[in-house]
Amino acid sequence: MRFEKIPLSPTDESVYMDAYIADRVGDFTRKAILVIPGGGYSNVCSDREGEPIAMAFLPHGYNAFVLHYTVGRKKPFPAQLIEVARAIKQIRDCADEYNIDPNAVFTVGFSAGGHLAASSGVLWKLPEVQAALDMPYGYNKPTGVMLIYPVISAAYHAISFNNLLCSDTPSQEMLDACSIERHVDADSAPAFIMHTANDQIVDVKNALALAWAYADADVLYEMHIYPDAPHGAALGNRITECGVAKWNNPAIAKWVEQAVAWAESLSKAEA
């Protein structure tokens, strides 16, 4: 396996991808997963929601890329979505080099990173994103999005949106523009959603609002709501437990395999 740090901005060294590329085995071609850690758009939680996630997907036939994106109120949305688009473009542009199928590029995001992953699948056609990058229309749309205890709506998690919009008093118009459930349509990427019913930091209503919007738009989605775990379970196993006993939950730890099976079901549905 090789590891690379891939810059994604000519002016900001803090915006980059960590790439985990497995050695080729015969003619097997891998899928790609772009991992987007959380952190409330104030920081990037790559220690628990970055490399451990990449390592978990590698045995399932993925090459993994961990995104480090703009946080800390340095730039308002959609700067972060443009960075995701640039990352997806890089992955697809170099599909042969990375030994991945360009038609199987997924995003997986956690908490605020789940908002950004959801944005990649729903808001991919924003004019600002299309204008920022020289690419065919739709090139930045992921094959599917995996959303793990995601922030979705400004109605249910204001602080992330304040950080994202670089304002303590964003207008309702600004909030509506990046509340994902308001923009789901037939062009949205299929979604896998995981949340816990008693999440005290990011209300499960975020996941439910998105699922409702997907149902209304008749777009494929799969959702798993578990009864008991605090926010931030990551892998749900002892690797990312970090001293919080309830972060180690055998039921929740199945989400990676469930997400992989869901991604496989998409390719079968297209066949």
Protein backbone atom coordinates (compact mmCIF):
# COMPACT_ATOMS: atom_id res chain seq x y z
CA MET A 1 0.00 0.00 0.00
CA ARG A 2 1.14 3.52 -0.66
CA PHE A 3 0.23 6.72 1.18
CA GLU A 4 0.13 10.16 -0.43
CA LYS A 5 -0.75 13.65 0.69
CA ILE A 6 -2.51 15.36 -2.22
CA PRO A 7 -2.84 19.18 -2.13
CA LEU A 8 -6.22 20.50 -3.22
CA SER A 9 -5.66 24.25 -3.03
CA PRO A 10 -2.89 26.36 -4.57
CA THR A 11 -3.27 28.94 -1.78
CA ASP A 12 -4.19 26.98 1.37
CA GLU A 13 -1.96 24.15 2.62
CA SER A 14 -4.64 23.05 5.10
CA VAL A 15 -6.86 21.79 2.26
CA TYR A 16 -5.67 18.38 1.06
CA MET A 17 -6.43 14.66 0.86
CA ASP A 18 -4.63 11.79 2.52
CA ALA A 19 -4.72 8.92 0.01
CA TYR A 20 -4.50 5.26 1.01
CA ILE A 21 -3.89 3.23 -2.17
CA ALA A 22 -3.70 -0.54 -1.91
CA ASP A 23 -1.32 -2.48 -4.11
CA ARG A 24 -2.89 -3.94 -7.25
CA VAL A 25 -3.97 -7.57 -7.10
CA GLY A 26 -4.36 -9.04 -10.56
CA ASP A 27 -7.01 -7.22 -12.54
CA PHE A 28 -9.17 -6.30 -9.51
CA THR A 29 -10.36 -2.69 -9.71
CA ARG A 30 -11.37 -0.97 -6.49
CA LYS A 31 -14.09 1.48 -5.59
CA ALA A 32 -13.13 4.85 -4.09
CA ILE A 33 -14.33 6.34 -0.82
CA LEU A 34 -13.81 10.00 0.08
CA VAL A 35 -13.88 10.22 3.88
CA ILE A 36 -15.08 13.53 5.33
CA PRO A 37 -14.54 13.78 9.10
CA GLY A 38 -16.75 15.91 11.33
CA GLY A 39 -15.91 18.69 13.73
CA GLY A 40 -18.78 21.16 13.55
CA TYR A 41 -17.02 23.08 10.75
CA SER A 42 -14.67 24.38 13.46
CA ASN A 43 -12.05 21.63 13.11
CA VAL A 44 -11.49 18.30 11.31
CA CYS A 45 -11.72 15.20 13.55
CA SER A 46 -9.36 13.09 11.47
CA ASP A 47 -8.01 11.05 14.40
CA ARG A 48 -11.28 9.11 14.88
CA GLU A 49 -13.25 9.83 11.71
CA GLY A 50 -10.41 9.93 9.21
CA GLU A 51 -7.71 7.28 8.96
CA PRO A 52 -9.61 4.64 11.02
CA ILE A 53 -12.50 4.91 8.56
CA ALA A 54 -10.15 4.65 5.58
CA MET A 55 -8.57 1.53 7.08
CA ALA A 56 -12.01 -0.02 7.65
CA PHE A 57 -13.02 0.34 3.99
CA LEU A 58 -9.77 -0.94 2.45
CA PRO A 59 -10.51 -4.65 3.15
CA HIS A 60 -13.85 -4.24 1.38
CA GLY A 61 -12.25 -3.36 -1.93
CA TYR A 62 -12.02 0.42 -1.64
CA ASN A 63 -9.12 2.82 -1.98
CA ALA A 64 -9.66 5.63 0.50
CA PHE A 65 -9.08 9.36 0.55
CA VAL A 66 -9.45 11.45 3.73
CA LEU A 67 -10.42 15.05 3.10
CA HIS A 68 -9.05 17.97 5.11
CA TYR A 69 -11.30 20.90 4.26
CA THR A 70 -11.74 24.55 5.21
CA VAL A 71 -12.98 25.07 8.78
CA GLY A 72 -12.71 27.69 11.50
CA ARG A 73 -14.74 30.36 9.70
CA LYS A 74 -11.98 31.05 7.20
CA LYS A 75 -14.30 30.86 4.18
CA PRO A 76 -18.10 30.54 3.96
CA PHE A 77 -20.05 27.90 2.12
CA PRO A 78 -19.88 26.77 -0.69
CA ALA A 79 -16.05 26.92 -0.44
CA GLN A 80 -16.10 23.54 1.33
CA LEU A 81 -18.32 21.98 -1.32
CA ILE A 82 -15.98 23.23 -4.04
CA GLU A 83 -13.14 21.48 -2.18
CA VAL A 84 -15.13 18.23 -2.17
CA ALA A 85 -15.79 18.63 -5.89
CA ARG A 86 -12.09 19.21 -6.48
CA ALA A 87 -11.29 16.05 -4.50
CA ILE A 88 -13.78 13.95 -6.50
CA LYS A 89 -12.41 15.39 -9.73
CA GLN A 90 -8.86 14.48 -8.67
CA ILE A 91 -9.94 10.92 -7.84
CA ARG A 92 -11.72 10.46 -11.17
CA ASP A 93 -8.99 12.18 -13.20
CA CYS A 94 -6.45 9.75 -11.75
CA ALA A 95 -8.66 6.66 -11.70
CA ASP A 96 -6.13 4.53 -13.59
CA GLU A 97 -3.26 5.61 -11.34
CA TYR A 98 -5.33 4.96 -8.20
CA ASN A 99 -6.74 1.68 -9.60
CA ILE A 100 -10.34 2.71 -8.98
CA ASP A 101 -13.52 2.57 -11.01
CA PRO A 102 -14.44 6.20 -11.80
CA ASN A 103 -18.09 5.16 -11.79
CA ALA A 104 -17.83 3.97 -8.18
CA VAL A 105 -16.74 7.02 -6.19
CA PHE A 106 -18.54 7.42 -2.86
CA THR A 107 -18.40 9.98 -0.08
CA VAL A 108 -18.79 9.11 3.61
CA GLY A 109 -19.21 11.88 6.15
CA PHE A 110 -19.65 12.20 9.90
CA SER A 111 -21.64 14.85 11.76
CA ALA A 112 -20.77 18.17 10.05
CA GLY A 113 -18.75 16.09 7.61
CA GLY A 114 -22.02 14.27 6.98
CA HIS A 115 -23.53 17.59 5.98
CA LEU A 116 -20.67 18.11 3.53
CA ALA A 117 -21.02 14.56 2.16
CA ALA A 118 -24.77 15.09 1.79
CA SER A 119 -24.05 18.40 0.03
CA SER A 120 -21.82 16.54 -2.42
CA GLY A 121 -24.74 14.31 -3.38
CA VAL A 122 -27.52 16.90 -3.40
CA LEU A 123 -25.94 20.31 -4.11
CA TRP A 124 -23.37 19.07 -6.64
CA LYS A 125 -24.95 21.15 -9.41
CA LEU A 126 -24.70 24.53 -7.67
CA PRO A 127 -23.57 27.12 -10.26
CA GLU A 128 -20.73 28.27 -7.99
CA VAL A 129 -19.31 24.74 -7.91
CA GLN A 130 -19.63 24.23 -11.66
CA ALA A 131 -17.99 27.61 -12.33
CA ALA A 132 -15.06 26.90 -10.00
CA LEU A 133 -13.81 23.79 -11.79
CA ASP A 134 -13.16 22.85 -15.40
CA MET A 135 -15.04 19.56 -15.64
CA PRO A 136 -17.97 17.95 -17.44
CA TYR A 137 -21.38 18.56 -15.91
CA GLY A 138 -22.01 15.97 -13.22
CA TYR A 139 -18.36 14.91 -12.96
CA ASN A 140 -18.32 15.92 -9.28
CA LYS A 141 -21.49 14.00 -8.36
CA PRO A 142 -20.63 10.97 -6.21
CA THR A 143 -22.02 7.56 -7.02
CA GLY A 144 -23.59 7.54 -3.57
CA VAL A 145 -23.25 9.16 -0.16
CA MET A 146 -22.88 7.51 3.24
CA LEU A 147 -24.05 9.80 6.04
CA ILE A 148 -23.14 8.89 9.61
CA TYR A 149 -25.01 10.83 12.35
CA PRO A 150 -25.13 13.73 9.87
CA VAL A 151 -25.94 17.37 10.36
CA ILE A 152 -28.56 18.11 7.69
CA SER A 153 -30.86 20.98 8.65
CA ALA A 154 -30.27 24.40 10.19
CA ALA A 155 -33.50 23.80 12.09
CA TYR A 156 -31.79 21.12 14.19
CA HIS A 157 -28.12 22.09 14.61
CA ALA A 158 -27.48 25.84 14.38
CA ILE A 159 -23.84 25.98 15.51
CA SER A 160 -22.46 24.03 12.55
CA PHE A 161 -24.31 26.32 10.16
CA ASN A 162 -23.03 29.44 11.92
CA ASN A 163 -19.48 28.13 11.47
CA LEU A 164 -20.16 27.09 7.88
CA LEU A 165 -21.57 30.51 6.99
CA CYS A 166 -19.00 32.44 9.06
CA SER A 167 -21.74 34.31 10.90
CA ASP A 168 -23.45 34.21 14.29
CA THR A 169 -26.56 35.69 12.70
CA PRO A 170 -26.97 34.17 9.23
CA SER A 171 -30.13 35.09 7.37
CA GLN A 172 -32.91 32.57 6.89
CA GLU A 173 -32.13 32.62 3.18
CA MET A 174 -28.52 31.64 3.88
CA LEU A 175 -29.62 28.85 6.22
CA ASP A 176 -32.17 27.52 3.76
CA ALA A 177 -29.57 27.47 0.98
CA CYS A 178 -27.46 24.90 2.81
CA SER A 179 -30.15 22.91 4.64
CA ILE A 180 -29.92 19.75 2.57
CA GLU A 181 -33.45 18.45 3.03
CA ARG A 182 -34.75 21.50 1.13
CA HIS A 183 -32.87 20.61 -2.05
CA VAL A 184 -33.24 16.86 -2.57
CA ASP A 185 -34.53 16.12 -6.06
CA ALA A 186 -34.44 13.42 -8.71
CA ASP A 187 -30.79 14.29 -9.49
CA SER A 188 -29.60 13.61 -5.94
CA ALA A 189 -27.17 10.75 -5.32
CA PRO A 190 -28.47 7.68 -3.46
CA ALA A 191 -27.90 7.83 0.29
CA PHE A 192 -27.04 5.48 3.14
CA ILE A 193 -27.95 7.08 6.49
CA MET A 194 -27.01 6.00 10.02
CA HIS A 195 -27.95 7.76 13.26
CA THR A 196 -28.81 7.03 16.89
CA ALA A 197 -32.18 7.88 18.41
CA ASN A 198 -30.78 9.49 21.55
CA ASP A 199 -27.97 11.57 19.98
CA GLN A 200 -27.76 14.60 22.28
CA ILE A 201 -25.56 16.72 20.00
CA VAL A 202 -26.97 16.19 16.51
CA ASP A 203 -30.67 15.45 16.77
CA VAL A 204 -31.84 12.34 14.91
CA LYS A 205 -34.44 14.61 13.28
CA ASN A 206 -31.64 15.58 10.89
CA ALA A 207 -31.51 12.05 9.48
CA LEU A 208 -35.29 11.71 9.50
CA ALA A 209 -35.76 14.99 7.63
CA LEU A 210 -33.36 13.86 4.94
CA ALA A 211 -34.96 10.43 4.61
CA TRP A 212 -38.37 12.06 4.26
CA ALA A 213 -37.01 14.33 1.51
CA TYR A 214 -35.48 11.34 -0.30
CA ALA A 215 -38.78 9.48 -0.07
CA ASP A 216 -40.64 12.47 -1.48
CA ALA A 217 -38.16 12.72 -4.37
CA ASP A 218 -38.31 8.96 -5.00
CA VAL A 219 -34.52 8.63 -4.74
CA LEU A 220 -32.92 5.46 -3.38
CA TYR A 221 -31.90 5.54 0.27
CA GLU A 222 -31.30 3.16 3.18
CA MET A 223 -31.49 4.25 6.82
CA HIS A 224 -30.49 2.64 10.12
CA ILE A 225 -31.51 4.23 13.43
CA TYR A 226 -29.97 2.64 16.53
CA PRO A 227 -31.49 3.21 19.98
CA ASP A 228 -28.55 4.05 22.21
CA ALA A 229 -25.17 5.65 21.60
CA PRO A 230 -23.75 9.13 22.14
CA HIS A 231 -22.80 11.32 19.21
CA GLY A 232 -19.50 10.50 17.52
CA ALA A 233 -19.38 6.70 17.64
CA ALA A 234 -17.24 6.58 14.46
CA LEU A 235 -16.59 2.88 13.75
CA GLY A 236 -18.58 1.85 16.81
CA ASN A 237 -15.83 -0.52 17.94
CA ARG A 238 -12.83 -0.52 20.27
CA ILE A 239 -10.58 1.09 17.66
CA THR A 240 -12.45 4.38 17.99
CA GLU A 241 -13.81 3.85 21.52
CA CYS A 242 -11.20 6.20 23.05
CA GLY A 243 -12.37 5.61 26.62
CA VAL A 244 -16.08 6.22 25.96
CA ALA A 245 -17.70 2.85 26.64
CA LYS A 246 -20.89 3.56 24.67
CA TRP A 247 -18.84 4.33 21.53
CA ASN A 248 -18.09 0.58 21.45
CA ASN A 249 -21.39 -0.92 20.33
CA PRO A 250 -21.54 -4.20 18.36
CA ALA A 251 -24.79 -3.24 16.62
CA ILE A 252 -23.51 0.14 15.44
CA ALA A 253 -20.18 -1.42 14.42
CA LYS A 254 -22.02 -3.22 11.62
CA TRP A 255 -22.60 0.03 9.71
CA VAL A 256 -19.47 -0.28 7.55
CA GLU A 257 -20.48 -3.73 6.28
CA GLN A 258 -24.06 -2.50 5.82
CA ALA A 259 -22.85 0.51 3.83
CA VAL A 260 -20.63 -1.69 1.67
CA ALA A 261 -23.57 -4.04 0.98
CA TRP A 262 -25.74 -1.02 0.12
CA ALA A 263 -23.11 0.25 -2.33
CA GLU A 264 -22.98 -3.18 -3.95
CA SER A 265 -26.75 -3.16 -4.28
CA LEU A 266 -26.56 0.07 -6.27
CA SER A 267 -24.31 -1.50 -8.89
CA LYS A 268 -26.63 -4.51 -9.12
CA ALA A 269 -29.63 -2.22 -9.54
CA GLU A 270 -27.89 -0.52 -12.48
CA ALA A 271 -26.94 -3.82 -14.13
